[in-house]
Amino acid sequence: MTHAVSDTICYNAARIAEYQSDARYDYNSQLQMSDTGLTEIIRQWLAHILRRLFRNAEVDTIDTWTGWVLIGGFVLVLALAIYFIRKKHPALFMREKKMPDLPYDVEEENIYGVDFEKELSAALTSNDFRSAVRLLYLQTLRFLADKQRIDWRIFKTPTEYIYELKPAVLRPVFRDFTNRFLQVRYGNYQATPELFDAMRELQRQIREGGEEHEGE
């Protein structure tokens, strides 16, 4: 006697449609790459941390705080980037000013072909301390260039010499020396005997400090 084999697998269209519409069974979506950007990922991470810290805070409040934290973080990163770039390349942030009616031009800033001791003596004799300050500064540049502690070029700015001066231990003194010169040269500061004497003392420290660190 032959028995018919019954097909126990029945296709239930309604049940299949129910599974297909249930997100829990949408396995293909789990395999797809997320379109969430880096900013959104960071925002969600911050929101998660804030929710854990402030459990009673409302969702809108958390979202607001997250936005402010992101903005603050961006401003902080930007400020740090500018700070380090400015520290590394200060010349990029220097505004070039046009100085009218200067008593001397660029050609007079040449450190070669000048008898500094003779010119300084003449300036001091006539109480021309403005010229004496300039000559003392240029004389110092000549000394540093001869010692190969700076690479003198007529087109370079005083600030550039500060950052390239070797050894670096002399830079604070040389910065003070240079600032006093610039105050007289560009800041309309009065060149007094006291200012000149202070600069001469700084020049002595630069000279002697360079000799102490000879070969560095």
N, C-alpha and C. Protein backbone atom coordinates (compact mmCIF):
# COMPACT_ATOMS: atom_id res chain seq x y z
N MET A 1 0.85 -1.18 0.00
CA MET A 1 0.00 0.00 0.00
C MET A 1 0.90 1.25 0.00
N THR A 2 0.64 2.10 -0.93
CA THR A 2 1.49 3.28 -1.10
C THR A 2 0.87 4.47 -0.42
N HIS A 3 1.73 5.23 0.44
CA HIS A 3 1.25 6.43 1.13
C HIS A 3 1.82 7.68 0.47
N ALA A 4 1.00 8.62 0.29
CA ALA A 4 1.44 9.90 -0.32
C ALA A 4 2.26 10.69 0.69
N VAL A 5 3.36 11.22 0.18
CA VAL A 5 4.24 12.05 1.02
C VAL A 5 3.69 13.48 1.06
N SER A 6 3.40 13.91 2.26
CA SER A 6 2.81 15.27 2.38
C SER A 6 3.92 16.30 2.49
N ASP A 7 3.73 17.43 1.85
CA ASP A 7 4.68 18.55 1.89
C ASP A 7 4.37 19.39 3.12
N THR A 8 5.29 19.24 4.12
CA THR A 8 5.05 19.95 5.39
C THR A 8 5.52 21.40 5.35
N ILE A 9 6.25 21.78 4.28
CA ILE A 9 6.73 23.16 4.16
C ILE A 9 5.69 23.98 3.42
N CYS A 10 5.06 24.86 4.12
CA CYS A 10 4.00 25.69 3.54
C CYS A 10 4.49 27.14 3.43
N TYR A 11 4.21 27.75 2.35
CA TYR A 11 4.61 29.15 2.12
C TYR A 11 3.53 30.07 2.65
N ASN A 12 3.86 30.79 3.69
CA ASN A 12 2.90 31.71 4.29
C ASN A 12 3.27 33.13 3.87
N ALA A 13 2.59 33.61 2.87
CA ALA A 13 2.91 34.92 2.30
C ALA A 13 2.77 36.05 3.32
N ALA A 14 1.76 35.96 4.16
CA ALA A 14 1.52 37.01 5.15
C ALA A 14 2.65 37.07 6.17
N ARG A 15 3.11 35.88 6.60
CA ARG A 15 4.18 35.85 7.60
C ARG A 15 5.50 36.36 6.99
N ILE A 16 5.77 35.98 5.75
CA ILE A 16 6.99 36.43 5.07
C ILE A 16 7.00 37.96 4.93
N ALA A 17 5.85 38.50 4.57
CA ALA A 17 5.75 39.95 4.42
C ALA A 17 5.99 40.65 5.74
N GLU A 18 5.51 40.02 6.82
CA GLU A 18 5.71 40.59 8.16
C GLU A 18 7.19 40.63 8.53
N TYR A 19 7.91 39.53 8.23
CA TYR A 19 9.34 39.49 8.51
C TYR A 19 10.10 40.54 7.70
N GLN A 20 9.70 40.67 6.45
CA GLN A 20 10.41 41.61 5.57
C GLN A 20 10.25 43.06 6.02
N SER A 21 9.10 43.36 6.64
CA SER A 21 8.86 44.72 7.08
C SER A 21 9.44 44.99 8.47
N ASP A 22 9.91 43.97 9.16
CA ASP A 22 10.48 44.12 10.50
C ASP A 22 11.96 44.47 10.39
N ALA A 23 12.34 45.64 10.92
CA ALA A 23 13.74 46.10 10.82
C ALA A 23 14.71 45.16 11.52
N ARG A 24 14.20 44.39 12.50
CA ARG A 24 15.09 43.48 13.23
C ARG A 24 15.62 42.37 12.33
N TYR A 25 14.92 42.10 11.25
CA TYR A 25 15.35 41.03 10.35
C TYR A 25 15.95 41.57 9.05
N ASP A 26 16.23 42.89 9.03
CA ASP A 26 16.82 43.49 7.84
C ASP A 26 18.34 43.36 7.93
N TYR A 27 18.83 42.17 7.66
CA TYR A 27 20.27 41.89 7.83
C TYR A 27 21.11 42.62 6.78
N ASN A 28 20.56 42.90 5.64
CA ASN A 28 21.34 43.60 4.60
C ASN A 28 21.76 45.00 5.07
N SER A 29 20.88 45.65 5.84
CA SER A 29 21.21 47.00 6.31
C SER A 29 22.41 46.99 7.25
N GLN A 30 22.62 45.90 7.96
CA GLN A 30 23.75 45.79 8.87
C GLN A 30 25.06 45.62 8.13
N LEU A 31 24.99 45.16 6.88
CA LEU A 31 26.19 44.96 6.09
C LEU A 31 26.58 46.20 5.31
N GLN A 32 25.67 47.16 5.21
CA GLN A 32 25.96 48.37 4.44
C GLN A 32 26.84 49.32 5.25
N MET A 33 27.72 50.07 4.55
CA MET A 33 28.59 51.04 5.19
C MET A 33 27.77 52.23 5.66
N SER A 34 28.08 52.69 6.82
CA SER A 34 27.36 53.84 7.37
C SER A 34 27.76 55.12 6.64
N ASP A 35 26.77 55.98 6.39
CA ASP A 35 27.02 57.26 5.74
C ASP A 35 27.30 58.37 6.75
N THR A 36 27.37 57.99 8.02
CA THR A 36 27.60 58.99 9.06
C THR A 36 29.00 59.57 8.95
N GLY A 37 29.09 60.92 8.90
CA GLY A 37 30.39 61.57 8.78
C GLY A 37 31.12 61.62 10.11
N LEU A 38 32.38 62.05 10.04
CA LEU A 38 33.22 62.12 11.24
C LEU A 38 32.63 63.09 12.26
N THR A 39 32.14 64.22 11.78
CA THR A 39 31.56 65.21 12.70
C THR A 39 30.37 64.64 13.45
N GLU A 40 29.53 63.91 12.73
CA GLU A 40 28.35 63.31 13.35
C GLU A 40 28.75 62.24 14.35
N ILE A 41 29.79 61.48 14.02
CA ILE A 41 30.26 60.45 14.95
C ILE A 41 30.76 61.09 16.24
N ILE A 42 31.54 62.18 16.10
CA ILE A 42 32.03 62.89 17.28
C ILE A 42 30.88 63.48 18.08
N ARG A 43 29.89 64.05 17.36
CA ARG A 43 28.74 64.63 18.04
C ARG A 43 27.99 63.59 18.85
N GLN A 44 27.77 62.41 18.24
CA GLN A 44 27.07 61.34 18.95
C GLN A 44 27.87 60.85 20.16
N TRP A 45 29.19 60.80 20.00
CA TRP A 45 30.04 60.38 21.11
C TRP A 45 29.98 61.37 22.27
N LEU A 46 30.04 62.66 21.94
CA LEU A 46 29.93 63.68 22.98
C LEU A 46 28.56 63.64 23.64
N ALA A 47 27.53 63.48 22.82
CA ALA A 47 26.17 63.43 23.39
C ALA A 47 26.04 62.25 24.35
N HIS A 48 26.65 61.13 23.98
CA HIS A 48 26.59 59.94 24.85
C HIS A 48 27.28 60.22 26.19
N ILE A 49 28.44 60.89 26.14
CA ILE A 49 29.15 61.21 27.38
C ILE A 49 28.34 62.19 28.23
N LEU A 50 27.76 63.20 27.59
CA LEU A 50 26.98 64.19 28.34
C LEU A 50 25.73 63.56 28.94
N ARG A 51 25.12 62.62 28.22
CA ARG A 51 23.95 61.95 28.78
C ARG A 51 24.30 61.14 30.02
N ARG A 52 25.50 60.55 30.02
CA ARG A 52 25.93 59.79 31.18
C ARG A 52 26.26 60.70 32.36
N LEU A 53 26.81 61.89 32.05
CA LEU A 53 27.16 62.82 33.12
C LEU A 53 25.93 63.53 33.68
N PHE A 54 24.98 63.83 32.81
CA PHE A 54 23.77 64.57 33.22
C PHE A 54 22.55 63.74 32.86
N ARG A 55 22.27 62.77 33.67
CA ARG A 55 21.20 61.81 33.38
C ARG A 55 19.82 62.46 33.36
N ASN A 56 19.65 63.54 34.11
CA ASN A 56 18.33 64.17 34.20
C ASN A 56 18.11 65.26 33.15
N ALA A 57 19.13 65.52 32.35
CA ALA A 57 19.00 66.57 31.34
C ALA A 57 18.13 66.12 30.18
N GLU A 58 17.39 67.06 29.61
CA GLU A 58 16.53 66.74 28.48
C GLU A 58 17.36 66.56 27.21
N VAL A 59 16.75 65.91 26.23
CA VAL A 59 17.45 65.60 24.98
C VAL A 59 17.86 66.89 24.26
N ASP A 60 16.96 67.87 24.22
CA ASP A 60 17.27 69.13 23.54
C ASP A 60 18.43 69.85 24.23
N THR A 61 18.47 69.76 25.55
CA THR A 61 19.56 70.40 26.29
C THR A 61 20.89 69.72 25.98
N ILE A 62 20.89 68.40 25.93
CA ILE A 62 22.10 67.65 25.60
C ILE A 62 22.59 68.02 24.19
N ASP A 63 21.65 68.12 23.25
CA ASP A 63 22.01 68.48 21.87
C ASP A 63 22.62 69.88 21.82
N THR A 64 22.06 70.80 22.61
CA THR A 64 22.60 72.17 22.64
C THR A 64 24.00 72.18 23.22
N TRP A 65 24.18 71.49 24.32
CA TRP A 65 25.50 71.42 24.94
C TRP A 65 26.52 70.79 24.00
N THR A 66 26.09 69.75 23.32
CA THR A 66 27.00 69.07 22.38
C THR A 66 27.47 70.01 21.28
N GLY A 67 26.53 70.82 20.77
CA GLY A 67 26.89 71.79 19.74
C GLY A 67 27.91 72.81 20.23
N TRP A 68 27.70 73.30 21.47
CA TRP A 68 28.64 74.28 22.02
C TRP A 68 30.00 73.66 22.29
N VAL A 69 30.02 72.43 22.73
CA VAL A 69 31.30 71.75 22.96
C VAL A 69 32.05 71.59 21.65
N LEU A 70 31.33 71.23 20.59
CA LEU A 70 31.97 71.08 19.27
C LEU A 70 32.54 72.42 18.79
N ILE A 71 31.76 73.48 18.95
CA ILE A 71 32.23 74.80 18.52
C ILE A 71 33.45 75.22 19.33
N GLY A 72 33.37 75.01 20.65
CA GLY A 72 34.51 75.36 21.51
C GLY A 72 35.75 74.57 21.16
N GLY A 73 35.57 73.28 20.87
CA GLY A 73 36.71 72.45 20.48
C GLY A 73 37.33 72.92 19.18
N PHE A 74 36.49 73.30 18.22
CA PHE A 74 37.00 73.78 16.93
C PHE A 74 37.78 75.08 17.10
N VAL A 75 37.23 76.00 17.91
CA VAL A 75 37.92 77.27 18.16
C VAL A 75 39.25 77.03 18.86
N LEU A 76 39.27 76.10 19.81
CA LEU A 76 40.51 75.80 20.54
C LEU A 76 41.57 75.23 19.61
N VAL A 77 41.16 74.30 18.75
CA VAL A 77 42.12 73.71 17.80
C VAL A 77 42.65 74.77 16.85
N LEU A 78 41.76 75.65 16.37
CA LEU A 78 42.18 76.71 15.46
C LEU A 78 43.15 77.67 16.14
N ALA A 79 42.86 78.03 17.40
CA ALA A 79 43.73 78.94 18.14
C ALA A 79 45.10 78.32 18.37
N LEU A 80 45.13 77.04 18.71
CA LEU A 80 46.41 76.36 18.92
C LEU A 80 47.21 76.28 17.63
N ALA A 81 46.52 76.02 16.52
CA ALA A 81 47.21 75.94 15.23
C ALA A 81 47.84 77.29 14.87
N ILE A 82 47.09 78.37 15.08
CA ILE A 82 47.61 79.71 14.80
C ILE A 82 48.79 80.03 15.72
N TYR A 83 48.66 79.62 16.99
CA TYR A 83 49.73 79.90 17.95
C TYR A 83 51.04 79.23 17.54
N PHE A 84 50.96 77.94 17.17
CA PHE A 84 52.18 77.22 16.82
C PHE A 84 52.75 77.69 15.48
N ILE A 85 51.88 78.05 14.54
CA ILE A 85 52.36 78.58 13.26
C ILE A 85 53.04 79.93 13.48
N ARG A 86 52.43 80.75 14.34
CA ARG A 86 53.03 82.06 14.62
C ARG A 86 54.35 81.92 15.34
N LYS A 87 54.43 80.93 16.24
CA LYS A 87 55.68 80.71 16.97
C LYS A 87 56.77 80.21 16.04
N LYS A 88 56.38 79.37 15.07
CA LYS A 88 57.35 78.79 14.14
C LYS A 88 57.74 79.77 13.04
N HIS A 89 56.75 80.54 12.55
CA HIS A 89 57.01 81.47 11.44
C HIS A 89 56.44 82.85 11.80
N PRO A 90 57.07 83.58 12.70
CA PRO A 90 56.53 84.87 13.14
C PRO A 90 56.44 85.90 12.03
N ALA A 91 57.29 85.76 11.02
CA ALA A 91 57.29 86.75 9.93
C ALA A 91 55.97 86.75 9.17
N LEU A 92 55.24 85.62 9.19
CA LEU A 92 53.97 85.54 8.47
C LEU A 92 52.92 86.46 9.07
N PHE A 93 53.07 86.82 10.34
CA PHE A 93 52.07 87.61 11.03
C PHE A 93 52.51 89.05 11.26
N MET A 94 53.65 89.40 10.72
CA MET A 94 54.14 90.76 10.89
C MET A 94 53.58 91.67 9.79
N ARG A 95 52.99 92.76 10.19
CA ARG A 95 52.48 93.72 9.23
C ARG A 95 53.59 94.66 8.82
N GLU A 96 53.75 94.76 7.53
CA GLU A 96 54.81 95.62 7.03
C GLU A 96 54.33 97.06 7.03
N LYS A 97 54.99 97.90 7.78
CA LYS A 97 54.59 99.29 7.90
C LYS A 97 55.51 100.20 7.09
N LYS A 98 54.91 101.19 6.51
CA LYS A 98 55.67 102.17 5.78
C LYS A 98 56.00 103.32 6.72
N MET A 99 57.27 103.56 6.91
CA MET A 99 57.70 104.59 7.84
C MET A 99 58.08 105.85 7.08
N PRO A 100 57.28 106.91 7.19
CA PRO A 100 57.59 108.13 6.44
C PRO A 100 58.69 108.94 7.10
N ASP A 101 59.38 109.69 6.27
CA ASP A 101 60.36 110.67 6.74
C ASP A 101 61.42 110.08 7.66
N LEU A 102 61.93 108.90 7.33
CA LEU A 102 63.01 108.34 8.13
C LEU A 102 64.30 109.11 7.84
N PRO A 103 65.12 109.31 8.85
CA PRO A 103 66.33 110.09 8.64
C PRO A 103 67.41 109.32 7.89
N TYR A 104 67.19 108.07 7.59
CA TYR A 104 68.16 107.30 6.82
C TYR A 104 67.43 106.23 6.06
N ASP A 105 68.01 105.78 4.96
CA ASP A 105 67.33 104.81 4.10
C ASP A 105 67.98 103.44 4.24
N VAL A 106 67.51 102.49 3.42
CA VAL A 106 67.96 101.11 3.52
C VAL A 106 69.45 100.98 3.28
N GLU A 107 69.96 101.76 2.33
CA GLU A 107 71.38 101.65 2.01
C GLU A 107 72.26 101.93 3.23
N GLU A 108 71.79 102.77 4.13
CA GLU A 108 72.58 103.12 5.31
C GLU A 108 72.64 101.99 6.33
N GLU A 109 71.83 100.92 6.12
CA GLU A 109 71.82 99.80 7.06
C GLU A 109 72.91 98.79 6.73
N ASN A 110 73.71 99.04 5.71
CA ASN A 110 74.80 98.13 5.36
C ASN A 110 75.83 98.11 6.49
N ILE A 111 76.21 96.90 6.90
CA ILE A 111 77.14 96.78 8.04
C ILE A 111 78.60 96.75 7.59
N TYR A 112 78.81 96.75 6.28
CA TYR A 112 80.19 96.69 5.78
C TYR A 112 80.61 98.06 5.22
N GLY A 113 81.91 98.32 5.28
CA GLY A 113 82.43 99.58 4.78
C GLY A 113 82.18 100.75 5.72
N VAL A 114 81.94 100.44 7.00
CA VAL A 114 81.67 101.50 7.99
C VAL A 114 82.70 101.40 9.12
N ASP A 115 83.29 102.50 9.46
CA ASP A 115 84.20 102.55 10.61
C ASP A 115 83.33 102.89 11.84
N PHE A 116 82.84 101.86 12.48
CA PHE A 116 81.87 102.06 13.54
C PHE A 116 82.43 102.85 14.72
N GLU A 117 83.65 102.56 15.12
CA GLU A 117 84.21 103.27 16.25
C GLU A 117 84.31 104.77 15.95
N LYS A 118 84.74 105.11 14.75
CA LYS A 118 84.86 106.52 14.36
C LYS A 118 83.49 107.18 14.29
N GLU A 119 82.51 106.50 13.67
CA GLU A 119 81.17 107.07 13.52
C GLU A 119 80.48 107.20 14.88
N LEU A 120 80.66 106.19 15.73
CA LEU A 120 80.07 106.26 17.07
C LEU A 120 80.65 107.42 17.88
N SER A 121 81.95 107.57 17.80
CA SER A 121 82.61 108.66 18.52
C SER A 121 82.07 110.01 18.07
N ALA A 122 81.90 110.17 16.75
CA ALA A 122 81.39 111.44 16.22
C ALA A 122 79.95 111.68 16.66
N ALA A 123 79.13 110.62 16.65
CA ALA A 123 77.73 110.76 17.06
C ALA A 123 77.63 111.13 18.53
N LEU A 124 78.46 110.50 19.37
CA LEU A 124 78.40 110.79 20.81
C LEU A 124 78.93 112.19 21.11
N THR A 125 79.93 112.60 20.37
CA THR A 125 80.49 113.94 20.58
C THR A 125 79.45 115.02 20.30
N SER A 126 78.62 114.77 19.28
CA SER A 126 77.58 115.75 18.92
C SER A 126 76.25 115.48 19.62
N ASN A 127 76.28 114.54 20.58
CA ASN A 127 75.06 114.19 21.33
C ASN A 127 73.92 113.70 20.43
N ASP A 128 74.29 113.09 19.33
CA ASP A 128 73.30 112.51 18.42
C ASP A 128 73.08 111.04 18.81
N PHE A 129 72.31 110.85 19.86
CA PHE A 129 72.15 109.50 20.39
C PHE A 129 71.26 108.63 19.51
N ARG A 130 70.44 109.24 18.70
CA ARG A 130 69.63 108.45 17.77
C ARG A 130 70.55 107.73 16.77
N SER A 131 71.50 108.46 16.22
CA SER A 131 72.46 107.84 15.30
C SER A 131 73.36 106.87 16.05
N ALA A 132 73.70 107.20 17.29
CA ALA A 132 74.57 106.32 18.07
C ALA A 132 73.89 104.97 18.33
N VAL A 133 72.60 105.00 18.60
CA VAL A 133 71.85 103.75 18.83
C VAL A 133 71.84 102.90 17.56
N ARG A 134 71.59 103.54 16.42
CA ARG A 134 71.59 102.80 15.15
C ARG A 134 72.95 102.20 14.86
N LEU A 135 74.00 102.98 15.04
CA LEU A 135 75.35 102.50 14.77
C LEU A 135 75.74 101.36 15.71
N LEU A 136 75.32 101.46 16.96
CA LEU A 136 75.64 100.39 17.92
C LEU A 136 74.95 99.09 17.52
N TYR A 137 73.72 99.20 17.05
CA TYR A 137 72.98 98.01 16.61
C TYR A 137 73.66 97.38 15.38
N LEU A 138 74.01 98.22 14.40
CA LEU A 138 74.66 97.70 13.19
C LEU A 138 76.04 97.13 13.50
N GLN A 139 76.75 97.76 14.43
CA GLN A 139 78.05 97.24 14.84
C GLN A 139 77.90 95.84 15.45
N THR A 140 76.84 95.65 16.20
CA THR A 140 76.59 94.34 16.81
C THR A 140 76.26 93.30 15.74
N LEU A 141 75.48 93.70 14.75
CA LEU A 141 75.18 92.78 13.64
C LEU A 141 76.47 92.40 12.92
N ARG A 142 77.36 93.35 12.74
CA ARG A 142 78.64 93.07 12.07
C ARG A 142 79.45 92.05 12.89
N PHE A 143 79.49 92.25 14.19
CA PHE A 143 80.21 91.32 15.06
C PHE A 143 79.61 89.90 14.94
N LEU A 144 78.29 89.80 15.00
CA LEU A 144 77.64 88.49 14.94
C LEU A 144 77.81 87.84 13.57
N ALA A 145 77.78 88.65 12.53
CA ALA A 145 77.98 88.12 11.18
C ALA A 145 79.40 87.61 11.00
N ASP A 146 80.38 88.36 11.49
CA ASP A 146 81.78 87.94 11.39
C ASP A 146 82.03 86.64 12.16
N LYS A 147 81.29 86.46 13.26
CA LYS A 147 81.42 85.25 14.06
C LYS A 147 80.54 84.12 13.53
N GLN A 148 79.84 84.41 12.40
CA GLN A 148 78.94 83.44 11.78
C GLN A 148 77.82 82.98 12.74
N ARG A 149 77.38 83.90 13.56
CA ARG A 149 76.27 83.61 14.47
C ARG A 149 74.93 84.04 13.88
N ILE A 150 74.98 84.85 12.84
CA ILE A 150 73.80 85.19 12.04
C ILE A 150 74.23 85.18 10.57
N ASP A 151 73.26 85.01 9.71
CA ASP A 151 73.52 85.10 8.27
C ASP A 151 72.98 86.45 7.80
N TRP A 152 73.84 87.47 7.81
CA TRP A 152 73.37 88.82 7.53
C TRP A 152 73.02 88.99 6.06
N ARG A 153 71.86 89.60 5.82
CA ARG A 153 71.42 89.99 4.48
C ARG A 153 70.74 91.34 4.61
N ILE A 154 70.96 92.22 3.67
CA ILE A 154 70.46 93.59 3.79
C ILE A 154 68.94 93.64 3.78
N PHE A 155 68.29 92.61 3.21
CA PHE A 155 66.83 92.61 3.13
C PHE A 155 66.16 91.97 4.34
N LYS A 156 66.92 91.42 5.25
CA LYS A 156 66.34 90.74 6.41
C LYS A 156 65.84 91.75 7.45
N THR A 157 64.85 91.31 8.23
CA THR A 157 64.32 92.15 9.31
C THR A 157 65.05 91.85 10.61
N PRO A 158 65.05 92.78 11.55
CA PRO A 158 65.68 92.53 12.86
C PRO A 158 65.12 91.30 13.57
N THR A 159 63.83 91.04 13.41
CA THR A 159 63.22 89.88 14.06
C THR A 159 63.81 88.57 13.56
N GLU A 160 64.13 88.52 12.28
CA GLU A 160 64.71 87.30 11.72
C GLU A 160 66.05 86.97 12.36
N TYR A 161 66.83 88.00 12.65
CA TYR A 161 68.14 87.75 13.29
C TYR A 161 67.97 87.20 14.70
N ILE A 162 66.91 87.62 15.38
CA ILE A 162 66.67 87.10 16.73
C ILE A 162 66.49 85.60 16.70
N TYR A 163 65.68 85.11 15.75
CA TYR A 163 65.36 83.69 15.71
C TYR A 163 66.47 82.83 15.12
N GLU A 164 67.40 83.43 14.39
CA GLU A 164 68.47 82.61 13.83
C GLU A 164 69.78 82.73 14.61
N LEU A 165 69.81 83.60 15.62
CA LEU A 165 71.04 83.80 16.39
C LEU A 165 71.49 82.52 17.07
N LYS A 166 72.76 82.25 16.97
CA LYS A 166 73.37 81.09 17.65
C LYS A 166 74.49 81.61 18.56
N PRO A 167 74.58 81.03 19.78
CA PRO A 167 73.71 80.02 20.37
C PRO A 167 72.39 80.62 20.85
N ALA A 168 71.39 79.76 21.01
CA ALA A 168 70.05 80.22 21.36
C ALA A 168 70.01 80.90 22.73
N VAL A 169 70.98 80.59 23.59
CA VAL A 169 70.98 81.17 24.94
C VAL A 169 71.14 82.68 24.90
N LEU A 170 71.68 83.21 23.82
CA LEU A 170 71.88 84.66 23.70
C LEU A 170 70.65 85.39 23.17
N ARG A 171 69.65 84.66 22.74
CA ARG A 171 68.50 85.30 22.10
C ARG A 171 67.71 86.23 23.01
N PRO A 172 67.47 85.89 24.28
CA PRO A 172 66.74 86.84 25.13
C PRO A 172 67.44 88.19 25.27
N VAL A 173 68.75 88.17 25.44
CA VAL A 173 69.50 89.43 25.56
C VAL A 173 69.47 90.18 24.24
N PHE A 174 69.65 89.45 23.16
CA PHE A 174 69.66 90.09 21.84
C PHE A 174 68.27 90.62 21.49
N ARG A 175 67.21 89.94 21.95
CA ARG A 175 65.85 90.43 21.72
C ARG A 175 65.63 91.76 22.44
N ASP A 176 66.10 91.84 23.67
CA ASP A 176 65.99 93.10 24.43
C ASP A 176 66.78 94.21 23.73
N PHE A 177 67.97 93.87 23.29
CA PHE A 177 68.83 94.82 22.57
C PHE A 177 68.13 95.30 21.29
N THR A 178 67.57 94.37 20.53
CA THR A 178 66.90 94.69 19.27
C THR A 178 65.66 95.53 19.51
N ASN A 179 64.87 95.19 20.54
CA ASN A 179 63.65 95.95 20.83
C ASN A 179 63.94 97.40 21.15
N ARG A 180 65.02 97.64 21.85
CA ARG A 180 65.38 99.03 22.18
C ARG A 180 65.75 99.80 20.90
N PHE A 181 66.46 99.12 20.02
CA PHE A 181 66.79 99.75 18.74
C PHE A 181 65.53 100.07 17.95
N LEU A 182 64.59 99.10 17.89
CA LEU A 182 63.36 99.29 17.11
C LEU A 182 62.49 100.38 17.70
N GLN A 183 62.51 100.53 19.02
CA GLN A 183 61.72 101.59 19.65
C GLN A 183 62.20 102.97 19.20
N VAL A 184 63.49 103.10 19.05
CA VAL A 184 64.05 104.37 18.58
C VAL A 184 63.86 104.51 17.08
N ARG A 185 64.10 103.41 16.37
CA ARG A 185 64.07 103.43 14.90
C ARG A 185 62.66 103.65 14.35
N TYR A 186 61.67 102.97 14.93
CA TYR A 186 60.32 103.01 14.39
C TYR A 186 59.28 103.54 15.37
N GLY A 187 59.57 103.48 16.66
CA GLY A 187 58.55 103.85 17.64
C GLY A 187 58.62 105.28 18.13
N ASN A 188 59.50 106.08 17.54
CA ASN A 188 59.63 107.49 17.93
C ASN A 188 60.01 107.66 19.40
N TYR A 189 60.70 106.65 19.94
CA TYR A 189 61.21 106.80 21.31
C TYR A 189 62.41 107.74 21.29
N GLN A 190 62.55 108.49 22.35
CA GLN A 190 63.69 109.41 22.43
C GLN A 190 64.95 108.62 22.77
N ALA A 191 65.98 108.84 21.98
CA ALA A 191 67.28 108.20 22.24
C ALA A 191 68.02 109.03 23.27
N THR A 192 68.14 108.52 24.45
CA THR A 192 68.78 109.24 25.56
C THR A 192 70.14 108.62 25.87
N PRO A 193 70.98 109.33 26.60
CA PRO A 193 72.26 108.73 27.02
C PRO A 193 72.06 107.47 27.84
N GLU A 194 71.01 107.44 28.68
CA GLU A 194 70.73 106.26 29.50
C GLU A 194 70.36 105.06 28.63
N LEU A 195 69.56 105.30 27.59
CA LEU A 195 69.19 104.22 26.67
C LEU A 195 70.42 103.69 25.94
N PHE A 196 71.27 104.60 25.49
CA PHE A 196 72.48 104.16 24.79
C PHE A 196 73.38 103.35 25.72
N ASP A 197 73.55 103.79 26.95
CA ASP A 197 74.40 103.06 27.90
C ASP A 197 73.83 101.67 28.17
N ALA A 198 72.50 101.57 28.28
CA ALA A 198 71.87 100.27 28.50
C ALA A 198 72.11 99.34 27.32
N MET A 199 72.04 99.90 26.11
CA MET A 199 72.28 99.09 24.92
C MET A 199 73.74 98.67 24.81
N ARG A 200 74.63 99.54 25.21
CA ARG A 200 76.06 99.18 25.19
C ARG A 200 76.35 98.05 26.17
N GLU A 201 75.68 98.06 27.31
CA GLU A 201 75.84 96.97 28.27
C GLU A 201 75.30 95.65 27.69
N LEU A 202 74.16 95.73 27.00
CA LEU A 202 73.60 94.54 26.35
C LEU A 202 74.54 94.04 25.25
N GLN A 203 75.15 94.97 24.53
CA GLN A 203 76.11 94.57 23.50
C GLN A 203 77.29 93.83 24.13
N ARG A 204 77.74 94.31 25.27
CA ARG A 204 78.85 93.64 25.96
C ARG A 204 78.46 92.21 26.34
N GLN A 205 77.24 92.04 26.85
CA GLN A 205 76.78 90.70 27.22
C GLN A 205 76.70 89.78 26.00
N ILE A 206 76.28 90.33 24.89
CA ILE A 206 76.18 89.54 23.66
C ILE A 206 77.57 89.12 23.19
N ARG A 207 78.50 90.06 23.22
CA ARG A 207 79.87 89.75 22.80
C ARG A 207 80.50 88.70 23.71
N GLU A 208 80.43 88.94 25.02
CA GLU A 208 81.08 88.03 25.96
C GLU A 208 80.37 86.68 26.01
N GLY A 209 79.05 86.72 25.89
CA GLY A 209 78.31 85.47 25.85
C GLY A 209 78.65 84.64 24.63
N GLY A 210 78.88 85.32 23.51
CA GLY A 210 79.26 84.60 22.31
C GLY A 210 80.62 83.96 22.45
N GLU A 211 81.55 84.64 23.11
CA GLU A 211 82.88 84.08 23.31
C GLU A 211 82.84 82.87 24.25
N GLU A 212 81.95 82.94 25.27
CA GLU A 212 81.84 81.82 26.20
C GLU A 212 81.30 80.57 25.52
N HIS A 213 80.45 80.78 24.50
CA HIS A 213 79.84 79.65 23.82
C HIS A 213 80.46 79.43 22.45
N GLU A 214 81.68 79.83 22.30
CA GLU A 214 82.40 79.66 21.03
C GLU A 214 82.43 78.17 20.67
N GLY A 215 82.07 77.90 19.41
CA GLY A 215 82.10 76.53 18.92
C GLY A 215 80.79 75.79 19.05
N GLU A 216 79.79 76.39 19.69
CA GLU A 216 78.49 75.73 19.83
C GLU A 216 77.67 75.89 18.57
